[in-house]
Amino acid sequence: MARPLLANVNLVKLFKQGINRPDNPCTHCNRCPVRTATSPLGCYDISRFASQEEMEAQIMEWSASSDERLAQEGSVYPGKTMASAPSSIDFPIK
C-alpha cells in the first residue's frame, strides 16, 4: 500500500470521495523504495509525469510540506527527539 500512497498522496481522500482509481495511479515500478533510501520520499516513475522537472517538483513539494508540518507540529513523540523515539523492533544489545 505504500507505493500507491507515494504516487498519490491524496489517495485516501479520493477513496472517501468514491473515486476508486486516481487519474495517474501508481505503476508499481519499484523505483520509490530504491530511490527514497537516499533521496527525498516520493514517486520516481518518470512515465507518470509530463517531464523530469514536473516529477522533481512534486517530490520536493511533498517533501517540503512534510518537513514544514513536522516543524510546526513538533516531534511525533512530544518531549522526545527522534533518537529517543520508540522503535517498532527492539533488538537486545549483547
N, C-alpha and C. Protein backbone atom coordinates (compact mmCIF):
# COMPACT_ATOMS: atom_id res chain seq x y z
N MET A 1 0.81 -1.20 0.00
CA MET A 1 0.00 0.00 0.00
C MET A 1 0.86 1.26 0.00
N ALA A 2 2.10 1.17 0.39
CA ALA A 2 2.93 2.38 0.49
C ALA A 2 3.20 3.01 -0.87
N ARG A 3 3.49 2.20 -1.88
CA ARG A 3 3.81 2.77 -3.20
C ARG A 3 2.67 3.61 -3.75
N PRO A 4 1.42 3.12 -3.74
CA PRO A 4 0.33 3.97 -4.24
C PRO A 4 0.17 5.27 -3.46
N LEU A 5 0.49 5.25 -2.16
CA LEU A 5 0.39 6.48 -1.37
C LEU A 5 1.51 7.45 -1.71
N LEU A 6 2.66 6.96 -2.12
CA LEU A 6 3.73 7.85 -2.56
C LEU A 6 3.38 8.46 -3.91
N ALA A 7 2.76 7.68 -4.77
CA ALA A 7 2.39 8.18 -6.09
C ALA A 7 1.23 9.17 -6.01
N ASN A 8 0.30 8.92 -5.10
CA ASN A 8 -0.89 9.76 -4.95
C ASN A 8 -1.11 10.01 -3.46
N VAL A 9 -0.52 11.07 -2.96
CA VAL A 9 -0.58 11.33 -1.51
C VAL A 9 -2.00 11.59 -1.02
N ASN A 10 -2.91 11.89 -1.92
CA ASN A 10 -4.31 12.14 -1.56
C ASN A 10 -5.19 10.91 -1.83
N LEU A 11 -4.61 9.73 -1.91
CA LEU A 11 -5.34 8.52 -2.28
C LEU A 11 -6.50 8.21 -1.33
N VAL A 12 -6.27 8.30 -0.05
CA VAL A 12 -7.34 8.01 0.91
C VAL A 12 -8.49 9.00 0.74
N LYS A 13 -8.16 10.26 0.51
CA LYS A 13 -9.18 11.28 0.28
C LYS A 13 -10.00 10.95 -0.97
N LEU A 14 -9.33 10.49 -2.02
CA LEU A 14 -10.04 10.10 -3.24
C LEU A 14 -10.99 8.94 -2.98
N PHE A 15 -10.51 7.94 -2.22
CA PHE A 15 -11.36 6.79 -1.88
C PHE A 15 -12.59 7.25 -1.10
N LYS A 16 -12.41 8.17 -0.16
CA LYS A 16 -13.54 8.68 0.63
C LYS A 16 -14.55 9.41 -0.25
N GLN A 17 -14.07 9.99 -1.35
CA GLN A 17 -14.95 10.70 -2.28
C GLN A 17 -15.62 9.74 -3.27
N GLY A 18 -15.31 8.45 -3.14
CA GLY A 18 -15.91 7.45 -4.03
C GLY A 18 -15.14 7.23 -5.31
N ILE A 19 -13.95 7.79 -5.41
CA ILE A 19 -13.11 7.61 -6.60
C ILE A 19 -12.23 6.39 -6.34
N ASN A 20 -12.42 5.34 -7.13
CA ASN A 20 -11.70 4.09 -6.88
C ASN A 20 -10.33 4.02 -7.52
N ARG A 21 -10.06 4.92 -8.47
CA ARG A 21 -8.76 4.91 -9.14
C ARG A 21 -8.37 6.34 -9.47
N PRO A 22 -7.18 6.76 -9.02
CA PRO A 22 -6.75 8.13 -9.34
C PRO A 22 -6.47 8.28 -10.83
N ASP A 23 -6.46 9.51 -11.30
CA ASP A 23 -6.18 9.78 -12.72
C ASP A 23 -4.80 9.26 -13.13
N ASN A 24 -3.86 9.33 -12.23
CA ASN A 24 -2.48 8.96 -12.53
C ASN A 24 -1.99 7.97 -11.48
N PRO A 25 -2.45 6.71 -11.54
CA PRO A 25 -2.15 5.75 -10.47
C PRO A 25 -0.70 5.27 -10.46
N CYS A 26 -0.33 4.68 -9.34
CA CYS A 26 0.99 4.06 -9.19
C CYS A 26 1.14 2.96 -10.25
N THR A 27 2.31 2.89 -10.85
CA THR A 27 2.59 1.86 -11.86
C THR A 27 3.29 0.65 -11.27
N HIS A 28 3.55 0.66 -9.98
CA HIS A 28 4.21 -0.44 -9.27
C HIS A 28 5.58 -0.75 -9.86
N CYS A 29 6.31 0.29 -10.20
CA CYS A 29 7.62 0.14 -10.84
C CYS A 29 8.74 -0.17 -9.86
N ASN A 30 8.51 0.06 -8.57
CA ASN A 30 9.50 -0.17 -7.51
C ASN A 30 10.66 0.81 -7.51
N ARG A 31 10.54 1.93 -8.20
CA ARG A 31 11.60 2.94 -8.14
C ARG A 31 11.59 3.68 -6.80
N CYS A 32 10.42 3.84 -6.22
CA CYS A 32 10.33 4.61 -4.96
C CYS A 32 11.10 3.97 -3.81
N PRO A 33 10.99 2.65 -3.57
CA PRO A 33 11.74 2.11 -2.43
C PRO A 33 13.25 2.20 -2.63
N VAL A 34 13.69 2.11 -3.87
CA VAL A 34 15.12 2.19 -4.15
C VAL A 34 15.61 3.62 -4.00
N ARG A 35 14.92 4.57 -4.61
CA ARG A 35 15.37 5.96 -4.60
C ARG A 35 15.20 6.64 -3.25
N THR A 36 14.14 6.31 -2.54
CA THR A 36 13.90 7.01 -1.29
C THR A 36 14.84 6.57 -0.17
N ALA A 37 15.66 5.58 -0.42
CA ALA A 37 16.69 5.21 0.56
C ALA A 37 17.75 6.30 0.65
N THR A 38 17.95 7.03 -0.45
CA THR A 38 18.99 8.07 -0.48
C THR A 38 18.47 9.43 -0.94
N SER A 39 17.22 9.49 -1.34
CA SER A 39 16.65 10.72 -1.91
C SER A 39 15.36 11.06 -1.17
N PRO A 40 14.79 12.24 -1.42
CA PRO A 40 13.53 12.59 -0.77
C PRO A 40 12.42 11.59 -1.12
N LEU A 41 11.50 11.42 -0.21
CA LEU A 41 10.39 10.49 -0.36
C LEU A 41 9.47 10.96 -1.49
N GLY A 42 9.15 10.06 -2.41
CA GLY A 42 8.25 10.41 -3.49
C GLY A 42 8.24 9.38 -4.60
N CYS A 43 7.46 9.65 -5.63
CA CYS A 43 7.36 8.77 -6.79
C CYS A 43 8.42 9.16 -7.81
N TYR A 44 9.21 8.19 -8.24
CA TYR A 44 10.30 8.44 -9.18
C TYR A 44 10.04 7.80 -10.55
N ASP A 45 8.79 7.48 -10.87
CA ASP A 45 8.46 6.91 -12.17
C ASP A 45 8.19 8.05 -13.15
N ILE A 46 9.16 8.35 -13.98
CA ILE A 46 9.07 9.47 -14.91
C ILE A 46 7.88 9.33 -15.87
N SER A 47 7.43 8.10 -16.14
CA SER A 47 6.31 7.90 -17.06
C SER A 47 4.99 8.46 -16.51
N ARG A 48 4.91 8.75 -15.24
CA ARG A 48 3.71 9.32 -14.63
C ARG A 48 3.65 10.84 -14.76
N PHE A 49 4.71 11.44 -15.27
CA PHE A 49 4.81 12.90 -15.31
C PHE A 49 5.06 13.38 -16.73
N ALA A 50 4.74 14.65 -16.97
CA ALA A 50 4.98 15.25 -18.28
C ALA A 50 6.46 15.49 -18.53
N SER A 51 7.24 15.65 -17.44
CA SER A 51 8.67 15.92 -17.59
C SER A 51 9.42 15.56 -16.31
N GLN A 52 10.72 15.52 -16.41
CA GLN A 52 11.58 15.29 -15.25
C GLN A 52 11.37 16.40 -14.22
N GLU A 53 11.24 17.63 -14.72
CA GLU A 53 11.05 18.78 -13.83
C GLU A 53 9.75 18.67 -13.04
N GLU A 54 8.67 18.20 -13.70
CA GLU A 54 7.39 18.04 -13.01
C GLU A 54 7.51 16.98 -11.91
N MET A 55 8.20 15.88 -12.22
CA MET A 55 8.41 14.83 -11.23
C MET A 55 9.18 15.38 -10.02
N GLU A 56 10.28 16.07 -10.30
CA GLU A 56 11.10 16.63 -9.22
C GLU A 56 10.32 17.65 -8.39
N ALA A 57 9.50 18.46 -9.06
CA ALA A 57 8.71 19.47 -8.35
C ALA A 57 7.72 18.80 -7.39
N GLN A 58 7.07 17.73 -7.83
CA GLN A 58 6.13 17.03 -6.95
C GLN A 58 6.85 16.42 -5.76
N ILE A 59 7.98 15.79 -6.01
CA ILE A 59 8.75 15.17 -4.92
C ILE A 59 9.18 16.23 -3.91
N MET A 60 9.72 17.33 -4.39
CA MET A 60 10.21 18.37 -3.48
C MET A 60 9.06 19.07 -2.76
N GLU A 61 7.92 19.27 -3.43
CA GLU A 61 6.77 19.89 -2.78
C GLU A 61 6.26 19.01 -1.65
N TRP A 62 6.13 17.72 -1.91
CA TRP A 62 5.64 16.80 -0.89
C TRP A 62 6.64 16.71 0.26
N SER A 63 7.91 16.62 -0.07
CA SER A 63 8.95 16.52 0.95
C SER A 63 9.00 17.79 1.79
N ALA A 64 8.94 18.95 1.16
CA ALA A 64 9.00 20.22 1.88
C ALA A 64 7.78 20.39 2.76
N SER A 65 6.60 20.01 2.27
CA SER A 65 5.40 20.17 3.09
C SER A 65 5.45 19.25 4.30
N SER A 66 6.04 18.07 4.17
CA SER A 66 6.20 17.16 5.31
C SER A 66 7.13 17.76 6.34
N ASP A 67 8.24 18.33 5.89
CA ASP A 67 9.20 18.96 6.79
C ASP A 67 8.58 20.16 7.51
N GLU A 68 7.82 20.97 6.77
CA GLU A 68 7.17 22.14 7.36
C GLU A 68 6.14 21.72 8.41
N ARG A 69 5.39 20.66 8.11
CA ARG A 69 4.38 20.17 9.04
C ARG A 69 5.03 19.69 10.33
N LEU A 70 6.13 18.96 10.21
CA LEU A 70 6.84 18.49 11.40
C LEU A 70 7.38 19.66 12.21
N ALA A 71 7.88 20.67 11.53
CA ALA A 71 8.42 21.84 12.23
C ALA A 71 7.31 22.57 12.99
N GLN A 72 6.12 22.65 12.40
CA GLN A 72 5.01 23.34 13.04
C GLN A 72 4.42 22.52 14.19
N GLU A 73 4.29 21.21 13.97
CA GLU A 73 3.64 20.35 14.96
C GLU A 73 4.61 19.86 16.02
N GLY A 74 5.89 19.90 15.72
CA GLY A 74 6.87 19.37 16.65
C GLY A 74 7.06 17.88 16.41
N SER A 75 7.74 17.25 17.32
CA SER A 75 8.06 15.84 17.20
C SER A 75 6.79 15.00 17.18
N VAL A 76 6.86 13.87 16.51
CA VAL A 76 5.77 12.90 16.53
C VAL A 76 5.57 12.38 17.95
N TYR A 77 6.66 12.35 18.70
CA TYR A 77 6.64 11.92 20.10
C TYR A 77 6.94 13.15 20.95
N PRO A 78 5.92 13.87 21.41
CA PRO A 78 6.14 15.11 22.15
C PRO A 78 7.11 14.93 23.32
N GLY A 79 8.03 15.88 23.43
CA GLY A 79 9.01 15.85 24.50
C GLY A 79 10.18 14.94 24.25
N LYS A 80 10.20 14.31 23.10
CA LYS A 80 11.30 13.38 22.79
C LYS A 80 11.90 13.74 21.44
N THR A 81 13.14 13.39 21.26
CA THR A 81 13.78 13.55 19.96
C THR A 81 13.57 12.27 19.19
N MET A 82 13.82 12.31 17.89
CA MET A 82 13.67 11.10 17.09
C MET A 82 14.62 10.01 17.57
N ALA A 83 15.78 10.39 18.10
CA ALA A 83 16.73 9.40 18.60
C ALA A 83 16.17 8.64 19.79
N SER A 84 15.30 9.28 20.58
CA SER A 84 14.76 8.61 21.75
C SER A 84 13.36 8.05 21.51
N ALA A 85 12.84 8.20 20.29
CA ALA A 85 11.51 7.68 19.97
C ALA A 85 11.54 6.16 19.97
N PRO A 86 10.44 5.52 20.35
CA PRO A 86 10.43 4.06 20.39
C PRO A 86 10.56 3.46 19.00
N SER A 87 11.21 2.33 18.94
CA SER A 87 11.37 1.60 17.70
C SER A 87 10.30 0.53 17.63
N SER A 88 9.85 0.21 16.42
CA SER A 88 8.85 -0.85 16.29
C SER A 88 9.48 -2.21 16.55
N ILE A 89 10.78 -2.32 16.41
CA ILE A 89 11.50 -3.56 16.68
C ILE A 89 12.65 -3.22 17.62
N ASP A 90 12.64 -3.81 18.78
CA ASP A 90 13.73 -3.59 19.73
C ASP A 90 14.63 -4.81 19.74
N PHE A 91 15.88 -4.61 19.38
CA PHE A 91 16.85 -5.69 19.40
C PHE A 91 17.65 -5.60 20.69
N PRO A 92 17.80 -6.71 21.40
CA PRO A 92 18.60 -6.66 22.63
C PRO A 92 20.06 -6.41 22.30
N ILE A 93 20.70 -5.60 23.13
CA ILE A 93 22.13 -5.33 22.96
C ILE A 93 22.89 -6.35 23.78
N LYS A 94 23.81 -7.04 23.13
CA LYS A 94 24.60 -8.07 23.82
C LYS A 94 26.02 -7.65 23.95
